[in-house]
Amino acid sequence: MIVLGVAGPLASGKSTVLKMLEELGAATLRADDVSRELLQPGQPILERVRAAFGEEYFTPEGKLQRKKLAELIFANSEARQRLNQIMHPPMVARLREIADEYRRSDAPPPVVAIEAAILHQMGLDQIVDKVLLVTASQETRIRRLYQRDGISEEEAQKRVKLHDELGLGEVKADYVIATNGKLAETRQQVASLWAQLIELTTAQ
């Protein structure tokens, strides 16, 4: 079994590539989903976030206002660092645990693909065997972002620019897939990657 990290900048097409890998037979995980799991009411990590950022980021029912916190950490590097220190170690531990469960199962999948935009910064490189970088031009990413999130083009430009300035899409990778073209072209690249990964699993 190979654990593949799927990384890349904002709106580069990581989720699309992950879905294609799943269709080919990979088990797929998303760091964002694990983050949501760890931030459910009653989870100890949630209380650490509450202590670090205050009640203003929570609803009266005790749920985290993710969008409001995201706006803060996007604009404030100190806050972003503080949140990352709280979230990243337990996220990596949980993803390692899930990957190990797949490995120990009676019929492990040939590939477990983990989508994480900032794979290296999180420390996920400790648990992956190979890294795939998903890329797209800045113009393509801006267009996708404002269409996907319903924000203005100006806001999309600002987010993509900051993301790039922070180097969040800079990834040391074993494989690269560019998603600027048609969906069929991306699918072809994913199929080629899949063949290479399967060859590696049979060689182990």
N, C-alpha and C. Protein backbone atom coordinates (compact mmCIF):
# COMPACT_ATOMS: atom_id res chain seq x y z
N MET A 1 0.84 -1.19 0.00
CA MET A 1 0.00 0.00 0.00
C MET A 1 0.88 1.25 0.00
N ILE A 2 0.51 2.22 -0.83
CA ILE A 2 1.24 3.48 -0.89
C ILE A 2 0.36 4.59 -0.34
N VAL A 3 0.93 5.42 0.54
CA VAL A 3 0.23 6.60 1.03
C VAL A 3 0.72 7.79 0.20
N LEU A 4 -0.22 8.41 -0.52
CA LEU A 4 0.10 9.50 -1.44
C LEU A 4 -0.44 10.81 -0.88
N GLY A 5 0.45 11.77 -0.69
CA GLY A 5 0.01 13.11 -0.30
C GLY A 5 -0.36 13.91 -1.53
N VAL A 6 -1.55 14.51 -1.51
CA VAL A 6 -2.01 15.33 -2.64
C VAL A 6 -2.02 16.78 -2.17
N ALA A 7 -1.06 17.56 -2.66
CA ALA A 7 -0.88 18.93 -2.17
C ALA A 7 -0.95 19.90 -3.34
N GLY A 8 -0.92 21.19 -3.00
CA GLY A 8 -0.94 22.21 -4.05
C GLY A 8 -1.63 23.46 -3.58
N PRO A 9 -1.49 24.54 -4.35
CA PRO A 9 -2.03 25.83 -3.92
C PRO A 9 -3.56 25.88 -3.97
N LEU A 10 -4.07 26.96 -3.43
CA LEU A 10 -5.50 27.21 -3.36
C LEU A 10 -6.15 27.11 -4.74
N ALA A 11 -7.26 26.34 -4.83
CA ALA A 11 -8.07 26.22 -6.05
C ALA A 11 -7.28 25.66 -7.24
N SER A 12 -6.31 24.79 -6.95
CA SER A 12 -5.51 24.20 -8.03
C SER A 12 -6.17 22.96 -8.63
N GLY A 13 -7.19 22.43 -7.97
CA GLY A 13 -7.87 21.24 -8.50
C GLY A 13 -7.60 19.97 -7.71
N LYS A 14 -7.16 20.13 -6.46
CA LYS A 14 -6.80 18.95 -5.64
C LYS A 14 -8.00 18.03 -5.43
N SER A 15 -9.16 18.60 -5.12
CA SER A 15 -10.34 17.78 -4.84
C SER A 15 -10.78 17.00 -6.07
N THR A 16 -10.67 17.63 -7.24
CA THR A 16 -11.02 16.95 -8.50
C THR A 16 -10.11 15.76 -8.74
N VAL A 17 -8.81 15.97 -8.55
CA VAL A 17 -7.83 14.89 -8.73
C VAL A 17 -8.07 13.78 -7.70
N LEU A 18 -8.38 14.16 -6.47
CA LEU A 18 -8.64 13.17 -5.42
C LEU A 18 -9.84 12.29 -5.79
N LYS A 19 -10.88 12.92 -6.32
CA LYS A 19 -12.08 12.17 -6.73
C LYS A 19 -11.74 11.18 -7.85
N MET A 20 -10.91 11.62 -8.78
CA MET A 20 -10.50 10.73 -9.88
C MET A 20 -9.69 9.55 -9.36
N LEU A 21 -8.82 9.80 -8.39
CA LEU A 21 -8.05 8.71 -7.78
C LEU A 21 -8.98 7.73 -7.08
N GLU A 22 -10.00 8.26 -6.42
CA GLU A 22 -10.98 7.40 -5.73
C GLU A 22 -11.70 6.51 -6.73
N GLU A 23 -12.07 7.08 -7.88
CA GLU A 23 -12.77 6.30 -8.92
C GLU A 23 -11.90 5.17 -9.44
N LEU A 24 -10.58 5.35 -9.38
CA LEU A 24 -9.65 4.32 -9.86
C LEU A 24 -9.36 3.25 -8.81
N GLY A 25 -9.76 3.52 -7.56
CA GLY A 25 -9.57 2.50 -6.53
C GLY A 25 -8.81 2.93 -5.29
N ALA A 26 -8.46 4.21 -5.20
CA ALA A 26 -7.76 4.70 -4.01
C ALA A 26 -8.75 4.95 -2.88
N ALA A 27 -8.28 4.73 -1.65
CA ALA A 27 -9.00 5.23 -0.49
C ALA A 27 -8.58 6.69 -0.33
N THR A 28 -9.52 7.58 -0.06
CA THR A 28 -9.18 9.00 -0.04
C THR A 28 -9.53 9.63 1.30
N LEU A 29 -8.66 10.55 1.73
CA LEU A 29 -8.84 11.29 2.98
C LEU A 29 -8.57 12.76 2.70
N ARG A 30 -9.25 13.63 3.45
CA ARG A 30 -9.02 15.06 3.31
C ARG A 30 -8.66 15.63 4.67
N ALA A 31 -7.57 16.38 4.71
CA ALA A 31 -7.16 17.00 5.98
C ALA A 31 -8.27 17.89 6.54
N ASP A 32 -9.01 18.56 5.66
CA ASP A 32 -10.11 19.43 6.10
C ASP A 32 -11.18 18.64 6.85
N ASP A 33 -11.46 17.42 6.37
CA ASP A 33 -12.48 16.59 7.04
C ASP A 33 -12.02 16.19 8.44
N VAL A 34 -10.74 15.87 8.57
CA VAL A 34 -10.19 15.51 9.88
C VAL A 34 -10.23 16.72 10.81
N SER A 35 -9.95 17.89 10.26
CA SER A 35 -10.03 19.12 11.04
C SER A 35 -11.45 19.31 11.59
N ARG A 36 -12.44 19.11 10.73
CA ARG A 36 -13.85 19.25 11.16
C ARG A 36 -14.18 18.23 12.25
N GLU A 37 -13.68 17.01 12.08
CA GLU A 37 -13.92 15.94 13.08
C GLU A 37 -13.36 16.34 14.44
N LEU A 38 -12.15 16.91 14.43
CA LEU A 38 -11.48 17.28 15.68
C LEU A 38 -12.11 18.51 16.35
N LEU A 39 -12.87 19.27 15.56
CA LEU A 39 -13.47 20.50 16.08
C LEU A 39 -14.96 20.37 16.38
N GLN A 40 -15.41 19.11 16.49
CA GLN A 40 -16.80 18.88 16.88
C GLN A 40 -16.99 19.22 18.36
N PRO A 41 -18.20 19.67 18.74
CA PRO A 41 -18.45 19.95 20.17
C PRO A 41 -18.09 18.75 21.03
N GLY A 42 -17.43 19.03 22.14
CA GLY A 42 -17.03 17.97 23.07
C GLY A 42 -15.62 17.48 22.85
N GLN A 43 -15.01 17.83 21.71
CA GLN A 43 -13.64 17.40 21.44
C GLN A 43 -12.65 18.29 22.19
N PRO A 44 -11.60 17.71 22.79
CA PRO A 44 -10.64 18.52 23.57
C PRO A 44 -9.94 19.60 22.73
N ILE A 45 -9.73 19.32 21.43
CA ILE A 45 -9.06 20.31 20.56
C ILE A 45 -9.91 21.57 20.45
N LEU A 46 -11.22 21.39 20.42
CA LEU A 46 -12.12 22.54 20.32
C LEU A 46 -11.95 23.47 21.52
N GLU A 47 -11.79 22.88 22.68
CA GLU A 47 -11.62 23.70 23.89
C GLU A 47 -10.29 24.45 23.87
N ARG A 48 -9.29 23.85 23.27
CA ARG A 48 -8.00 24.55 23.13
C ARG A 48 -8.14 25.75 22.19
N VAL A 49 -8.92 25.58 21.12
CA VAL A 49 -9.17 26.69 20.19
C VAL A 49 -9.96 27.79 20.89
N ARG A 50 -10.94 27.40 21.69
CA ARG A 50 -11.74 28.38 22.43
C ARG A 50 -10.85 29.18 23.39
N ALA A 51 -9.95 28.48 24.07
CA ALA A 51 -9.06 29.15 25.03
C ALA A 51 -8.10 30.10 24.31
N ALA A 52 -7.68 29.73 23.10
CA ALA A 52 -6.70 30.53 22.36
C ALA A 52 -7.32 31.74 21.67
N PHE A 53 -8.59 31.62 21.25
CA PHE A 53 -9.17 32.68 20.42
C PHE A 53 -10.38 33.38 21.04
N GLY A 54 -11.01 32.75 22.03
CA GLY A 54 -12.10 33.43 22.72
C GLY A 54 -13.49 33.06 22.22
N GLU A 55 -14.48 33.44 23.03
CA GLU A 55 -15.88 33.10 22.76
C GLU A 55 -16.43 33.78 21.51
N GLU A 56 -15.79 34.87 21.07
CA GLU A 56 -16.34 35.60 19.92
C GLU A 56 -16.33 34.76 18.64
N TYR A 57 -15.56 33.68 18.64
CA TYR A 57 -15.51 32.81 17.46
C TYR A 57 -16.42 31.59 17.60
N PHE A 58 -17.32 31.64 18.56
CA PHE A 58 -18.24 30.52 18.81
C PHE A 58 -19.67 31.02 18.82
N THR A 59 -20.59 30.16 18.39
CA THR A 59 -22.01 30.49 18.46
C THR A 59 -22.48 30.32 19.91
N PRO A 60 -23.66 30.86 20.24
CA PRO A 60 -24.20 30.65 21.60
C PRO A 60 -24.35 29.17 21.95
N GLU A 61 -24.51 28.31 20.91
CA GLU A 61 -24.65 26.86 21.14
C GLU A 61 -23.30 26.17 21.31
N GLY A 62 -22.21 26.94 21.17
CA GLY A 62 -20.87 26.36 21.39
C GLY A 62 -20.19 25.83 20.15
N LYS A 63 -20.75 26.11 18.96
CA LYS A 63 -20.11 25.64 17.73
C LYS A 63 -19.12 26.69 17.24
N LEU A 64 -18.03 26.21 16.69
CA LEU A 64 -17.01 27.10 16.15
C LEU A 64 -17.52 27.77 14.88
N GLN A 65 -17.35 29.08 14.79
CA GLN A 65 -17.67 29.82 13.56
C GLN A 65 -16.45 29.78 12.65
N ARG A 66 -16.37 28.72 11.87
CA ARG A 66 -15.18 28.43 11.07
C ARG A 66 -14.85 29.56 10.10
N LYS A 67 -15.89 30.11 9.47
CA LYS A 67 -15.66 31.16 8.48
C LYS A 67 -15.05 32.40 9.14
N LYS A 68 -15.57 32.75 10.30
CA LYS A 68 -15.06 33.93 11.02
C LYS A 68 -13.61 33.72 11.44
N LEU A 69 -13.31 32.52 11.94
CA LEU A 69 -11.93 32.23 12.34
C LEU A 69 -11.01 32.19 11.12
N ALA A 70 -11.52 31.65 10.02
CA ALA A 70 -10.72 31.60 8.78
C ALA A 70 -10.35 32.99 8.31
N GLU A 71 -11.28 33.93 8.43
CA GLU A 71 -11.00 35.32 8.03
C GLU A 71 -9.88 35.91 8.90
N LEU A 72 -9.89 35.58 10.19
CA LEU A 72 -8.85 36.07 11.08
C LEU A 72 -7.49 35.49 10.70
N ILE A 73 -7.41 34.18 10.57
CA ILE A 73 -6.10 33.55 10.33
C ILE A 73 -5.57 33.86 8.94
N PHE A 74 -6.49 34.18 8.02
CA PHE A 74 -6.05 34.56 6.68
C PHE A 74 -5.34 35.90 6.71
N ALA A 75 -5.80 36.78 7.59
CA ALA A 75 -5.26 38.14 7.63
C ALA A 75 -4.17 38.34 8.68
N ASN A 76 -4.03 37.38 9.60
CA ASN A 76 -3.16 37.58 10.74
C ASN A 76 -2.20 36.39 10.88
N SER A 77 -0.94 36.62 10.59
CA SER A 77 0.02 35.51 10.58
C SER A 77 0.24 34.93 11.98
N GLU A 78 0.20 35.78 13.01
CA GLU A 78 0.39 35.29 14.38
C GLU A 78 -0.76 34.36 14.78
N ALA A 79 -1.98 34.75 14.41
CA ALA A 79 -3.15 33.91 14.71
C ALA A 79 -3.08 32.60 13.93
N ARG A 80 -2.63 32.69 12.68
CA ARG A 80 -2.53 31.48 11.85
C ARG A 80 -1.53 30.50 12.46
N GLN A 81 -0.41 31.03 12.93
CA GLN A 81 0.61 30.18 13.55
C GLN A 81 0.07 29.53 14.84
N ARG A 82 -0.67 30.31 15.60
CA ARG A 82 -1.23 29.80 16.85
C ARG A 82 -2.21 28.65 16.58
N LEU A 83 -3.07 28.85 15.58
CA LEU A 83 -4.04 27.80 15.24
C LEU A 83 -3.33 26.56 14.71
N ASN A 84 -2.33 26.75 13.85
CA ASN A 84 -1.59 25.62 13.28
C ASN A 84 -0.92 24.79 14.37
N GLN A 85 -0.37 25.46 15.39
CA GLN A 85 0.29 24.74 16.49
C GLN A 85 -0.70 23.87 17.27
N ILE A 86 -1.95 24.34 17.34
CA ILE A 86 -2.98 23.57 18.03
C ILE A 86 -3.46 22.41 17.17
N MET A 87 -3.70 22.70 15.87
CA MET A 87 -4.40 21.75 15.01
C MET A 87 -3.51 20.71 14.33
N HIS A 88 -2.34 21.11 13.88
CA HIS A 88 -1.57 20.23 13.01
C HIS A 88 -1.12 18.92 13.65
N PRO A 89 -0.54 18.93 14.87
CA PRO A 89 -0.11 17.65 15.45
C PRO A 89 -1.25 16.62 15.59
N PRO A 90 -2.43 16.99 16.15
CA PRO A 90 -3.49 15.99 16.23
C PRO A 90 -4.06 15.59 14.88
N MET A 91 -4.03 16.50 13.89
CA MET A 91 -4.49 16.13 12.55
C MET A 91 -3.58 15.08 11.92
N VAL A 92 -2.27 15.30 12.06
CA VAL A 92 -1.31 14.32 11.52
C VAL A 92 -1.46 12.98 12.24
N ALA A 93 -1.64 13.02 13.55
CA ALA A 93 -1.80 11.78 14.33
C ALA A 93 -3.05 11.02 13.88
N ARG A 94 -4.14 11.74 13.65
CA ARG A 94 -5.39 11.09 13.23
C ARG A 94 -5.27 10.51 11.83
N LEU A 95 -4.65 11.24 10.93
CA LEU A 95 -4.48 10.74 9.56
C LEU A 95 -3.55 9.52 9.53
N ARG A 96 -2.52 9.54 10.38
CA ARG A 96 -1.64 8.37 10.49
C ARG A 96 -2.43 7.15 10.99
N GLU A 97 -3.28 7.39 11.97
CA GLU A 97 -4.09 6.33 12.55
C GLU A 97 -5.00 5.70 11.49
N ILE A 98 -5.65 6.55 10.68
CA ILE A 98 -6.55 6.03 9.64
C ILE A 98 -5.77 5.26 8.58
N ALA A 99 -4.62 5.81 8.17
CA ALA A 99 -3.79 5.11 7.17
C ALA A 99 -3.33 3.75 7.70
N ASP A 100 -2.97 3.69 8.98
CA ASP A 100 -2.55 2.42 9.59
C ASP A 100 -3.69 1.42 9.65
N GLU A 101 -4.90 1.92 9.88
CA GLU A 101 -6.08 1.03 9.89
C GLU A 101 -6.27 0.40 8.51
N TYR A 102 -6.11 1.21 7.46
CA TYR A 102 -6.21 0.66 6.10
C TYR A 102 -5.12 -0.38 5.87
N ARG A 103 -3.90 -0.07 6.33
CA ARG A 103 -2.76 -0.97 6.10
C ARG A 103 -2.97 -2.33 6.78
N ARG A 104 -3.62 -2.30 7.97
CA ARG A 104 -3.81 -3.54 8.73
C ARG A 104 -5.06 -4.31 8.30
N SER A 105 -5.88 -3.72 7.43
CA SER A 105 -7.13 -4.38 7.04
C SER A 105 -6.85 -5.62 6.19
N ASP A 106 -7.85 -6.49 6.08
CA ASP A 106 -7.68 -7.74 5.33
C ASP A 106 -7.40 -7.49 3.85
N ALA A 107 -7.99 -6.41 3.31
CA ALA A 107 -7.78 -6.09 1.89
C ALA A 107 -7.45 -4.61 1.75
N PRO A 108 -6.20 -4.24 2.09
CA PRO A 108 -5.85 -2.81 2.01
C PRO A 108 -5.93 -2.29 0.58
N PRO A 109 -6.35 -1.04 0.42
CA PRO A 109 -6.36 -0.46 -0.93
C PRO A 109 -4.92 -0.29 -1.42
N PRO A 110 -4.70 -0.30 -2.73
CA PRO A 110 -3.33 -0.12 -3.22
C PRO A 110 -2.77 1.25 -2.88
N VAL A 111 -3.67 2.25 -2.82
CA VAL A 111 -3.24 3.63 -2.56
C VAL A 111 -4.20 4.29 -1.57
N VAL A 112 -3.64 4.98 -0.58
CA VAL A 112 -4.42 5.88 0.27
C VAL A 112 -3.95 7.29 -0.06
N ALA A 113 -4.84 8.10 -0.62
CA ALA A 113 -4.50 9.46 -1.03
C ALA A 113 -5.03 10.45 -0.01
N ILE A 114 -4.15 11.31 0.48
CA ILE A 114 -4.51 12.30 1.50
C ILE A 114 -4.37 13.70 0.91
N GLU A 115 -5.48 14.41 0.80
CA GLU A 115 -5.45 15.78 0.29
C GLU A 115 -5.14 16.75 1.43
N ALA A 116 -4.09 17.52 1.26
CA ALA A 116 -3.71 18.53 2.26
C ALA A 116 -2.95 19.64 1.55
N ALA A 117 -3.53 20.84 1.53
CA ALA A 117 -2.93 21.94 0.78
C ALA A 117 -1.51 22.23 1.24
N ILE A 118 -1.30 22.20 2.57
CA ILE A 118 0.02 22.56 3.12
C ILE A 118 0.67 21.33 3.77
N LEU A 119 0.80 20.32 2.98
CA LEU A 119 1.26 19.02 3.45
C LEU A 119 2.56 19.09 4.25
N HIS A 120 3.58 19.75 3.70
CA HIS A 120 4.88 19.79 4.38
C HIS A 120 4.82 20.65 5.64
N GLN A 121 4.11 21.79 5.55
CA GLN A 121 4.01 22.66 6.72
C GLN A 121 3.30 21.97 7.88
N MET A 122 2.35 21.09 7.56
CA MET A 122 1.63 20.35 8.60
C MET A 122 2.48 19.28 9.25
N GLY A 123 3.47 18.79 8.51
CA GLY A 123 4.25 17.66 8.99
C GLY A 123 3.73 16.34 8.46
N LEU A 124 2.82 16.41 7.46
CA LEU A 124 2.26 15.17 6.90
C LEU A 124 3.27 14.41 6.06
N ASP A 125 4.38 15.06 5.69
CA ASP A 125 5.40 14.34 4.92
C ASP A 125 5.98 13.18 5.73
N GLN A 126 5.77 13.19 7.06
CA GLN A 126 6.23 12.07 7.91
C GLN A 126 5.49 10.78 7.59
N ILE A 127 4.25 10.90 7.10
CA ILE A 127 3.42 9.69 6.97
C ILE A 127 3.12 9.29 5.53
N VAL A 128 3.56 10.13 4.55
CA VAL A 128 3.28 9.76 3.16
C VAL A 128 4.52 9.16 2.51
N ASP A 129 4.28 8.29 1.54
CA ASP A 129 5.38 7.66 0.80
C ASP A 129 5.78 8.48 -0.42
N LYS A 130 4.76 9.08 -1.06
CA LYS A 130 4.99 9.88 -2.27
C LYS A 130 4.12 11.13 -2.19
N VAL A 131 4.55 12.18 -2.91
CA VAL A 131 3.79 13.44 -2.91
C VAL A 131 3.44 13.81 -4.34
N LEU A 132 2.16 14.16 -4.53
CA LEU A 132 1.67 14.67 -5.81
C LEU A 132 1.37 16.16 -5.65
N LEU A 133 1.93 16.97 -6.52
CA LEU A 133 1.63 18.40 -6.55
C LEU A 133 0.60 18.65 -7.66
N VAL A 134 -0.54 19.24 -7.29
CA VAL A 134 -1.57 19.61 -8.27
C VAL A 134 -1.43 21.12 -8.50
N THR A 135 -1.26 21.51 -9.76
CA THR A 135 -1.02 22.92 -10.07
C THR A 135 -2.04 23.43 -11.08
N ALA A 136 -2.14 24.75 -11.14
CA ALA A 136 -2.92 25.45 -12.17
C ALA A 136 -2.41 26.88 -12.21
N SER A 137 -2.62 27.55 -13.31
CA SER A 137 -2.17 28.93 -13.43
C SER A 137 -2.92 29.81 -12.43
N GLN A 138 -2.30 30.93 -12.09
CA GLN A 138 -2.93 31.85 -11.13
C GLN A 138 -4.28 32.33 -11.67
N GLU A 139 -4.35 32.61 -12.94
CA GLU A 139 -5.61 33.08 -13.57
C GLU A 139 -6.71 32.03 -13.42
N THR A 140 -6.37 30.79 -13.68
CA THR A 140 -7.35 29.69 -13.56
C THR A 140 -7.82 29.55 -12.12
N ARG A 141 -6.89 29.65 -11.18
CA ARG A 141 -7.23 29.48 -9.76
C ARG A 141 -8.13 30.61 -9.26
N ILE A 142 -7.84 31.84 -9.70
CA ILE A 142 -8.69 32.98 -9.31
C ILE A 142 -10.11 32.78 -9.82
N ARG A 143 -10.23 32.39 -11.09
CA ARG A 143 -11.56 32.17 -11.67
C ARG A 143 -12.32 31.07 -10.92
N ARG A 144 -11.64 29.97 -10.65
CA ARG A 144 -12.29 28.87 -9.92
C ARG A 144 -12.76 29.32 -8.55
N LEU A 145 -11.92 30.10 -7.89
CA LEU A 145 -12.20 30.49 -6.51
C LEU A 145 -13.45 31.37 -6.42
N TYR A 146 -13.55 32.39 -7.29
CA TYR A 146 -14.73 33.24 -7.17
C TYR A 146 -15.99 32.55 -7.67
N GLN A 147 -15.85 31.62 -8.60
CA GLN A 147 -17.02 30.85 -9.04
C GLN A 147 -17.46 29.85 -7.97
N ARG A 148 -16.49 29.23 -7.35
CA ARG A 148 -16.78 28.19 -6.34
C ARG A 148 -17.33 28.77 -5.05
N ASP A 149 -16.70 29.85 -4.57
CA ASP A 149 -17.03 30.36 -3.24
C ASP A 149 -18.00 31.54 -3.26
N GLY A 150 -18.39 31.98 -4.46
CA GLY A 150 -19.34 33.08 -4.55
C GLY A 150 -18.79 34.39 -4.03
N ILE A 151 -17.49 34.60 -4.20
CA ILE A 151 -16.86 35.86 -3.75
C ILE A 151 -16.54 36.70 -4.97
N SER A 152 -16.16 37.95 -4.75
CA SER A 152 -15.82 38.83 -5.88
C SER A 152 -14.48 38.39 -6.49
N GLU A 153 -14.29 38.80 -7.73
CA GLU A 153 -13.01 38.47 -8.38
C GLU A 153 -11.86 39.13 -7.65
N GLU A 154 -12.10 40.35 -7.14
CA GLU A 154 -11.06 41.07 -6.39
C GLU A 154 -10.66 40.31 -5.12
N GLU A 155 -11.67 39.79 -4.41
CA GLU A 155 -11.40 39.02 -3.19
C GLU A 155 -10.64 37.74 -3.52
N ALA A 156 -11.04 37.10 -4.62
CA ALA A 156 -10.35 35.87 -5.06
C ALA A 156 -8.89 36.16 -5.39
N GLN A 157 -8.65 37.27 -6.08
CA GLN A 157 -7.27 37.66 -6.41
C GLN A 157 -6.45 37.87 -5.14
N LYS A 158 -7.07 38.52 -4.16
CA LYS A 158 -6.38 38.81 -2.90
C LYS A 158 -6.00 37.52 -2.18
N ARG A 159 -6.93 36.56 -2.14
CA ARG A 159 -6.67 35.29 -1.45
C ARG A 159 -5.58 34.49 -2.14
N VAL A 160 -5.67 34.40 -3.45
CA VAL A 160 -4.67 33.63 -4.21
C VAL A 160 -3.30 34.27 -4.07
N LYS A 161 -3.26 35.60 -4.16
CA LYS A 161 -1.99 36.32 -4.05
C LYS A 161 -1.34 36.09 -2.68
N LEU A 162 -2.14 36.20 -1.61
CA LEU A 162 -1.59 35.99 -0.27
C LEU A 162 -1.12 34.56 -0.10
N HIS A 163 -1.92 33.62 -0.59
CA HIS A 163 -1.56 32.20 -0.51
C HIS A 163 -0.20 31.96 -1.17
N ASP A 164 0.00 32.58 -2.35
CA ASP A 164 1.25 32.40 -3.07
C ASP A 164 2.41 33.10 -2.37
N GLU A 165 2.15 34.30 -1.82
CA GLU A 165 3.20 35.04 -1.11
C GLU A 165 3.69 34.27 0.12
N LEU A 166 2.77 33.55 0.76
CA LEU A 166 3.12 32.77 1.94
C LEU A 166 3.83 31.46 1.58
N GLY A 167 3.86 31.18 0.28
CA GLY A 167 4.53 29.96 -0.18
C GLY A 167 3.78 28.70 0.17
N LEU A 168 2.44 28.82 0.33
CA LEU A 168 1.66 27.66 0.78
C LEU A 168 1.51 26.61 -0.31
N GLY A 169 1.76 27.00 -1.54
CA GLY A 169 1.65 26.02 -2.62
C GLY A 169 2.99 25.44 -3.05
N GLU A 170 4.05 25.82 -2.34
CA GLU A 170 5.38 25.32 -2.70
C GLU A 170 5.60 23.95 -2.07
N VAL A 171 5.70 22.96 -2.90
CA VAL A 171 5.73 21.58 -2.42
C VAL A 171 6.84 20.80 -3.12
N LYS A 172 7.63 20.08 -2.35
CA LYS A 172 8.58 19.13 -2.95
C LYS A 172 7.76 17.91 -3.34
N ALA A 173 7.74 17.60 -4.62
CA ALA A 173 6.83 16.56 -5.09
C ALA A 173 7.52 15.51 -5.95
N ASP A 174 6.98 14.31 -5.90
CA ASP A 174 7.45 13.22 -6.76
C ASP A 174 6.74 13.24 -8.11
N TYR A 175 5.51 13.76 -8.11
CA TYR A 175 4.68 13.80 -9.32
C TYR A 175 4.00 15.17 -9.40
N VAL A 176 3.71 15.61 -10.62
CA VAL A 176 3.01 16.88 -10.82
C VAL A 176 1.88 16.67 -11.84
N ILE A 177 0.71 17.19 -11.51
CA ILE A 177 -0.42 17.20 -12.45
C ILE A 177 -0.90 18.63 -12.60
N ALA A 178 -0.96 19.12 -13.84
CA ALA A 178 -1.46 20.47 -14.12
C ALA A 178 -2.91 20.37 -14.59
N THR A 179 -3.77 21.20 -14.01
CA THR A 179 -5.21 21.08 -14.28
C THR A 179 -5.77 22.27 -15.06
N ASN A 180 -4.91 22.97 -15.82
CA ASN A 180 -5.39 24.13 -16.59
C ASN A 180 -6.31 23.74 -17.74
N GLY A 181 -6.09 22.56 -18.28
CA GLY A 181 -6.83 22.15 -19.48
C GLY A 181 -8.20 21.57 -19.18
N LYS A 182 -8.70 20.82 -20.15
CA LYS A 182 -10.02 20.19 -20.00
C LYS A 182 -9.95 19.06 -18.99
N LEU A 183 -11.13 18.71 -18.46
CA LEU A 183 -11.23 17.65 -17.46
C LEU A 183 -10.66 16.34 -17.98
N ALA A 184 -10.88 16.06 -19.26
CA ALA A 184 -10.39 14.81 -19.86
C ALA A 184 -8.86 14.76 -19.83
N GLU A 185 -8.22 15.91 -19.97
CA GLU A 185 -6.75 15.96 -19.94
C GLU A 185 -6.24 15.68 -18.53
N THR A 186 -6.95 16.22 -17.54
CA THR A 186 -6.57 15.94 -16.14
C THR A 186 -6.76 14.46 -15.85
N ARG A 187 -7.89 13.91 -16.32
CA ARG A 187 -8.17 12.49 -16.09
C ARG A 187 -7.09 11.60 -16.69
N GLN A 188 -6.60 12.00 -17.85
CA GLN A 188 -5.54 11.23 -18.52
C GLN A 188 -4.26 11.24 -17.69
N GLN A 189 -3.93 12.40 -17.14
CA GLN A 189 -2.74 12.50 -16.28
C GLN A 189 -2.89 11.66 -15.01
N VAL A 190 -4.11 11.67 -14.44
CA VAL A 190 -4.36 10.88 -13.23
C VAL A 190 -4.25 9.39 -13.53
N ALA A 191 -4.76 8.97 -14.68
CA ALA A 191 -4.67 7.56 -15.07
C ALA A 191 -3.22 7.13 -15.24
N SER A 192 -2.40 8.01 -15.81
CA SER A 192 -0.98 7.72 -15.98
C SER A 192 -0.29 7.60 -14.61
N LEU A 193 -0.63 8.51 -13.71
CA LEU A 193 -0.07 8.46 -12.35
C LEU A 193 -0.49 7.16 -11.66
N TRP A 194 -1.75 6.80 -11.79
CA TRP A 194 -2.28 5.59 -11.16
C TRP A 194 -1.49 4.36 -11.61
N ALA A 195 -1.21 4.29 -12.90
CA ALA A 195 -0.45 3.15 -13.44
C ALA A 195 0.94 3.09 -12.80
N GLN A 196 1.56 4.25 -12.61
CA GLN A 196 2.89 4.28 -11.97
C GLN A 196 2.81 3.84 -10.51
N LEU A 197 1.77 4.27 -9.82
CA LEU A 197 1.62 3.90 -8.40
C LEU A 197 1.37 2.41 -8.25
N ILE A 198 0.54 1.86 -9.12
CA ILE A 198 0.24 0.41 -9.06
C ILE A 198 1.51 -0.39 -9.33
N GLU A 199 2.30 0.11 -10.27
CA GLU A 199 3.57 -0.57 -10.57
C GLU A 199 4.48 -0.58 -9.31
N LEU A 200 4.46 0.52 -8.57
CA LEU A 200 5.27 0.58 -7.34
C LEU A 200 4.76 -0.41 -6.30
N THR A 201 3.44 -0.54 -6.18
CA THR A 201 2.90 -1.45 -5.16
C THR A 201 3.22 -2.90 -5.50
N THR A 202 3.23 -3.23 -6.77
CA THR A 202 3.52 -4.61 -7.14
C THR A 202 5.01 -4.92 -7.03
N ALA A 203 5.84 -3.85 -7.08
CA ALA A 203 7.30 -4.05 -6.96
C ALA A 203 7.74 -4.19 -5.52
N GLN A 204 6.86 -3.77 -4.56
CA GLN A 204 7.26 -3.81 -3.14
C GLN A 204 7.32 -5.24 -2.61
